Amino acid sequence: MNTHRIYQIGLFVMLAMNIILLFLMFRGPKFPPRPLGKEDMMKRISQQLALTSDQEQRYFKMAQGHQMAMMDIEREQRSLLKAYFSNLREASSDSLTQATRMTQLSALEEKKITLTYQHFEALKALCTPAQLTHFDDITEKITQVLTGAEKNAPPPPRDF
């Protein structure tokens, strides 16, 4: 076999591999849809309820207040968790302090749930009777998001 023929075969094989590679890159694996961000969630709720511009403005203001309150609670929760687990580094642990921290963490979790419930009660009060027909669907979807029971939810993080 002469070298010219070998080069032709090699060129054809490389060309075929590149075409297959390009096909796989552009058609490639379909990733699951990204989780909704807070802004996307607010817009989606507003669209599903068909809020008027005045209602939407009030809802967005309420939602931003809710987000800020939740961020404050989560910040406090992180610092308590850090303090709770930092006790593992110490030679002797104070069970009373640990129990107090656990009670504080439980109270913060209760506060988050209560705040979220009150937020959706305020949204419900903002709706007209016609809009309330869609409210049940939204609360069902929100409950799935909050409990992690979404169909396309990512798997929980791995334990270390």
C-alpha atoms as a PDB file:
ATOM      1  CA  MET A   1       0.000   0.000   0.000  1.00  0.00           C
ATOM      2  CA  ASN A   2       1.453   3.303  -0.906  1.00  0.00           C
ATOM      3  CA  THR A   3       1.700   6.240   1.506  1.00  0.00           C
ATOM      4  CA  HIS A   4      -0.726   8.346  -0.503  1.00  0.00           C
ATOM      5  CA  ARG A   5      -3.492   5.804   0.084  1.00  0.00           C
ATOM      6  CA  ILE A   6      -2.695   5.630   3.836  1.00  0.00           C
ATOM      7  CA  TYR A   7      -2.966   9.418   4.107  1.00  0.00           C
ATOM      8  CA  GLN A   8      -6.332   9.350   2.309  1.00  0.00           C
ATOM      9  CA  ILE A   9      -7.697   6.741   4.726  1.00  0.00           C
ATOM     10  CA  GLY A  10      -6.334   8.635   7.748  1.00  0.00           C
ATOM     11  CA  LEU A  11      -7.864  11.887   6.503  1.00  0.00           C
ATOM     12  CA  PHE A  12     -11.234  10.203   5.954  1.00  0.00           C
ATOM     13  CA  VAL A  13     -11.170   8.639   9.469  1.00  0.00           C
ATOM     14  CA  MET A  14     -10.241  11.962  11.115  1.00  0.00           C
ATOM     15  CA  LEU A  15     -12.955  13.787   9.158  1.00  0.00           C
ATOM     16  CA  ALA A  16     -15.562  11.202  10.188  1.00  0.00           C
ATOM     17  CA  MET A  17     -14.483  11.458  13.853  1.00  0.00           C
ATOM     18  CA  ASN A  18     -14.717  15.253  13.754  1.00  0.00           C
ATOM     19  CA  ILE A  19     -18.201  15.142  12.242  1.00  0.00           C
ATOM     20  CA  ILE A  20     -19.334  12.697  14.935  1.00  0.00           C
ATOM     21  CA  LEU A  21     -17.754  14.871  17.634  1.00  0.00           C
ATOM     22  CA  LEU A  22     -19.484  18.007  16.326  1.00  0.00           C
ATOM     23  CA  PHE A  23     -22.789  16.152  16.181  1.00  0.00           C
ATOM     24  CA  LEU A  24     -22.424  15.028  19.802  1.00  0.00           C
ATOM     25  CA  MET A  25     -21.372  18.497  20.959  1.00  0.00           C
ATOM     26  CA  PHE A  26     -24.346  20.293  19.453  1.00  0.00           C
ATOM     27  CA  ARG A  27     -26.898  17.621  20.107  1.00  0.00           C
ATOM     28  CA  GLY A  28     -25.123  16.493  23.305  1.00  0.00           C
ATOM     29  CA  PRO A  29     -26.600  15.669  26.667  1.00  0.00           C
ATOM     30  CA  LYS A  30     -29.632  17.624  27.678  1.00  0.00           C
ATOM     31  CA  PHE A  31     -29.159  18.996  31.149  1.00  0.00           C
ATOM     32  CA  PRO A  32     -32.122  19.263  33.512  1.00  0.00           C
ATOM     33  CA  PRO A  33     -33.639  22.715  33.725  1.00  0.00           C
ATOM     34  CA  ARG A  34     -31.910  24.942  36.222  1.00  0.00           C
ATOM     35  CA  PRO A  35     -33.798  25.614  39.423  1.00  0.00           C
ATOM     36  CA  LEU A  36     -35.783  28.794  39.463  1.00  0.00           C
ATOM     37  CA  GLY A  37     -34.092  31.767  41.008  1.00  0.00           C
ATOM     38  CA  LYS A  38     -35.949  34.043  43.388  1.00  0.00           C
ATOM     39  CA  GLU A  39     -36.638  36.621  40.664  1.00  0.00           C
ATOM     40  CA  ASP A  40     -37.857  33.914  38.282  1.00  0.00           C
ATOM     41  CA  MET A  41     -40.093  32.481  40.990  1.00  0.00           C
ATOM     42  CA  MET A  42     -41.657  35.873  41.705  1.00  0.00           C
ATOM     43  CA  LYS A  43     -42.339  36.521  38.010  1.00  0.00           C
ATOM     44  CA  ARG A  44     -43.725  33.040  37.518  1.00  0.00           C
ATOM     45  CA  ILE A  45     -46.115  33.399  40.468  1.00  0.00           C
ATOM     46  CA  SER A  46     -47.171  36.807  39.200  1.00  0.00           C
ATOM     47  CA  GLN A  47     -47.878  35.419  35.727  1.00  0.00           C
ATOM     48  CA  GLN A  48     -49.768  32.370  36.979  1.00  0.00           C
ATOM     49  CA  LEU A  49     -51.980  34.510  39.178  1.00  0.00           C
ATOM     50  CA  ALA A  50     -52.359  37.115  36.416  1.00  0.00           C
ATOM     51  CA  LEU A  51     -51.640  39.923  38.871  1.00  0.00           C
ATOM     52  CA  THR A  52     -52.383  43.474  37.800  1.00  0.00           C
ATOM     53  CA  SER A  53     -49.459  45.896  37.692  1.00  0.00           C
ATOM     54  CA  ASP A  54     -50.486  47.392  41.060  1.00  0.00           C
ATOM     55  CA  GLN A  55     -50.816  43.940  42.632  1.00  0.00           C
ATOM     56  CA  GLU A  56     -47.513  42.891  41.079  1.00  0.00           C
ATOM     57  CA  GLN A  57     -45.740  45.925  42.517  1.00  0.00           C
ATOM     58  CA  ARG A  58     -47.103  45.234  45.990  1.00  0.00           C
ATOM     59  CA  TYR A  59     -46.299  41.525  45.681  1.00  0.00           C
ATOM     60  CA  PHE A  60     -42.708  42.183  44.571  1.00  0.00           C
ATOM     61  CA  LYS A  61     -42.234  44.559  47.498  1.00  0.00           C
ATOM     62  CA  MET A  62     -43.640  41.931  49.904  1.00  0.00           C
ATOM     63  CA  ALA A  63     -41.477  39.219  48.340  1.00  0.00           C
ATOM     64  CA  GLN A  64     -38.315  41.288  48.655  1.00  0.00           C
ATOM     65  CA  GLY A  65     -39.106  41.959  52.315  1.00  0.00           C
ATOM     66  CA  HIS A  66     -39.671  38.249  52.818  1.00  0.00           C
ATOM     67  CA  GLN A  67     -36.360  37.433  51.128  1.00  0.00           C
ATOM     68  CA  MET A  68     -34.481  39.884  53.331  1.00  0.00           C
ATOM     69  CA  ALA A  69     -36.062  38.445  56.486  1.00  0.00           C
ATOM     70  CA  MET A  70     -35.218  34.907  55.367  1.00  0.00           C
ATOM     71  CA  MET A  71     -31.630  35.882  54.601  1.00  0.00           C
ATOM     72  CA  ASP A  72     -31.268  37.354  58.096  1.00  0.00           C
ATOM     73  CA  ILE A  73     -32.646  34.184  59.667  1.00  0.00           C
ATOM     74  CA  GLU A  74     -30.397  31.974  57.542  1.00  0.00           C
ATOM     75  CA  ARG A  75     -27.361  34.083  58.457  1.00  0.00           C
ATOM     76  CA  GLU A  76     -28.183  33.684  62.142  1.00  0.00           C
ATOM     77  CA  GLN A  77     -28.828  29.970  61.601  1.00  0.00           C
ATOM     78  CA  ARG A  78     -25.402  29.521  59.973  1.00  0.00           C
ATOM     79  CA  SER A  79     -23.619  31.199  62.867  1.00  0.00           C
ATOM     80  CA  LEU A  80     -25.510  29.053  65.395  1.00  0.00           C
ATOM     81  CA  LEU A  81     -24.694  25.894  63.437  1.00  0.00           C
ATOM     82  CA  LYS A  82     -21.053  26.882  63.297  1.00  0.00           C
ATOM     83  CA  ALA A  83     -21.023  27.439  67.070  1.00  0.00           C
ATOM     84  CA  TYR A  84     -22.912  24.174  67.617  1.00  0.00           C
ATOM     85  CA  PHE A  85     -20.415  22.084  65.672  1.00  0.00           C
ATOM     86  CA  SER A  86     -17.369  23.992  66.915  1.00  0.00           C
ATOM     87  CA  ASN A  87     -18.065  22.380  70.267  1.00  0.00           C
ATOM     88  CA  LEU A  88     -16.755  19.116  68.787  1.00  0.00           C
ATOM     89  CA  ARG A  89     -13.214  20.542  68.818  1.00  0.00           C
ATOM     90  CA  GLU A  90     -13.267  21.098  72.549  1.00  0.00           C
ATOM     91  CA  ALA A  91     -12.192  18.387  74.969  1.00  0.00           C
ATOM     92  CA  SER A  92     -15.307  18.602  77.101  1.00  0.00           C
ATOM     93  CA  SER A  93     -18.628  19.696  75.710  1.00  0.00           C
ATOM     94  CA  ASP A  94     -21.258  21.525  77.700  1.00  0.00           C
ATOM     95  CA  SER A  95     -24.537  19.705  77.091  1.00  0.00           C
ATOM     96  CA  LEU A  96     -26.576  22.612  78.436  1.00  0.00           C
ATOM     97  CA  THR A  97     -25.016  24.998  75.909  1.00  0.00           C
ATOM     98  CA  GLN A  98     -25.585  22.480  73.125  1.00  0.00           C
ATOM     99  CA  ALA A  99     -29.205  22.013  74.150  1.00  0.00           C
ATOM    100  CA  THR A 100     -29.698  25.787  74.210  1.00  0.00           C
ATOM    101  CA  ARG A 101     -28.207  26.130  70.732  1.00  0.00           C
ATOM    102  CA  MET A 102     -30.404  23.329  69.437  1.00  0.00           C
ATOM    103  CA  THR A 103     -33.469  25.061  70.883  1.00  0.00           C
ATOM    104  CA  GLN A 104     -32.394  28.308  69.196  1.00  0.00           C
ATOM    105  CA  LEU A 105     -31.915  26.486  65.879  1.00  0.00           C
ATOM    106  CA  SER A 106     -35.371  24.912  66.193  1.00  0.00           C
ATOM    107  CA  ALA A 107     -36.881  28.307  66.961  1.00  0.00           C
ATOM    108  CA  LEU A 108     -35.221  29.795  63.868  1.00  0.00           C
ATOM    109  CA  GLU A 109     -36.563  26.993  61.683  1.00  0.00           C
ATOM    110  CA  GLU A 110     -40.031  27.565  63.122  1.00  0.00           C
ATOM    111  CA  LYS A 111     -39.666  31.282  62.424  1.00  0.00           C
ATOM    112  CA  LYS A 112     -38.739  30.580  58.777  1.00  0.00           C
ATOM    113  CA  ILE A 113     -41.802  28.393  58.285  1.00  0.00           C
ATOM    114  CA  THR A 114     -44.081  30.911  60.005  1.00  0.00           C
ATOM    115  CA  LEU A 115     -42.697  33.821  57.961  1.00  0.00           C
ATOM    116  CA  THR A 116     -43.193  31.909  54.715  1.00  0.00           C
ATOM    117  CA  TYR A 117     -46.737  30.975  55.674  1.00  0.00           C
ATOM    118  CA  GLN A 118     -47.543  34.596  56.549  1.00  0.00           C
ATOM    119  CA  HIS A 119     -45.997  35.731  53.266  1.00  0.00           C
ATOM    120  CA  PHE A 120     -48.320  33.482  51.283  1.00  0.00           C
ATOM    121  CA  GLU A 121     -51.285  34.505  53.423  1.00  0.00           C
ATOM    122  CA  ALA A 122     -50.518  38.124  52.468  1.00  0.00           C
ATOM    123  CA  LEU A 123     -50.275  37.115  48.807  1.00  0.00           C
ATOM    124  CA  LYS A 124     -53.611  35.325  49.087  1.00  0.00           C
ATOM    125  CA  ALA A 125     -55.178  38.454  50.588  1.00  0.00           C
ATOM    126  CA  LEU A 126     -53.806  40.443  47.657  1.00  0.00           C
ATOM    127  CA  CYS A 127     -55.620  38.245  45.108  1.00  0.00           C
ATOM    128  CA  THR A 128     -59.082  38.714  43.677  1.00  0.00           C
ATOM    129  CA  PRO A 129     -61.577  35.817  43.817  1.00  0.00           C
ATOM    130  CA  ALA A 130     -60.837  35.030  40.147  1.00  0.00           C
ATOM    131  CA  GLN A 131     -57.107  34.842  40.868  1.00  0.00           C
ATOM    132  CA  LEU A 132     -57.633  32.611  43.890  1.00  0.00           C
ATOM    133  CA  THR A 133     -58.612  29.737  41.587  1.00  0.00           C
ATOM    134  CA  HIS A 134     -54.925  29.481  40.588  1.00  0.00           C
ATOM    135  CA  PHE A 135     -53.631  29.999  44.117  1.00  0.00           C
ATOM    136  CA  ASP A 136     -54.059  26.331  45.127  1.00  0.00           C
ATOM    137  CA  ASP A 137     -51.892  25.193  42.207  1.00  0.00           C
ATOM    138  CA  ILE A 138     -49.206  27.672  43.196  1.00  0.00           C
ATOM    139  CA  THR A 139     -49.215  26.624  46.846  1.00  0.00           C
ATOM    140  CA  GLU A 140     -48.919  22.997  45.771  1.00  0.00           C
ATOM    141  CA  LYS A 141     -45.855  23.803  43.633  1.00  0.00           C
ATOM    142  CA  ILE A 142     -44.332  25.996  46.346  1.00  0.00           C
ATOM    143  CA  THR A 143     -44.807  23.211  48.888  1.00  0.00           C
ATOM    144  CA  GLN A 144     -42.970  20.843  46.555  1.00  0.00           C
ATOM    145  CA  VAL A 145     -40.102  23.338  46.235  1.00  0.00           C
ATOM    146  CA  LEU A 146     -39.929  23.949  49.982  1.00  0.00           C
ATOM    147  CA  THR A 147     -39.947  20.258  50.859  1.00  0.00           C
ATOM    148  CA  GLY A 148     -37.585  19.252  48.058  1.00  0.00           C
ATOM    149  CA  ALA A 149     -40.214  17.009  46.467  1.00  0.00           C
ATOM    150  CA  GLU A 150     -39.921  18.561  42.996  1.00  0.00           C
ATOM    151  CA  LYS A 151     -39.896  16.178  40.068  1.00  0.00           C
ATOM    152  CA  ASN A 152     -36.748  17.761  38.630  1.00  0.00           C
ATOM    153  CA  ALA A 153     -35.127  18.507  41.962  1.00  0.00           C
ATOM    154  CA  PRO A 154     -31.400  17.822  42.124  1.00  0.00           C
ATOM    155  CA  PRO A 155     -30.356  15.017  44.428  1.00  0.00           C
ATOM    156  CA  PRO A 156     -29.547  16.007  47.996  1.00  0.00           C
ATOM    157  CA  PRO A 157     -25.897  16.819  48.694  1.00  0.00           C
ATOM    158  CA  ARG A 158     -23.651  13.930  49.583  1.00  0.00           C
ATOM    159  CA  ASP A 159     -22.650  13.362  53.166  1.00  0.00           C
ATOM    160  CA  PHE A 160     -18.994  13.651  54.000  1.00  0.00           C
END
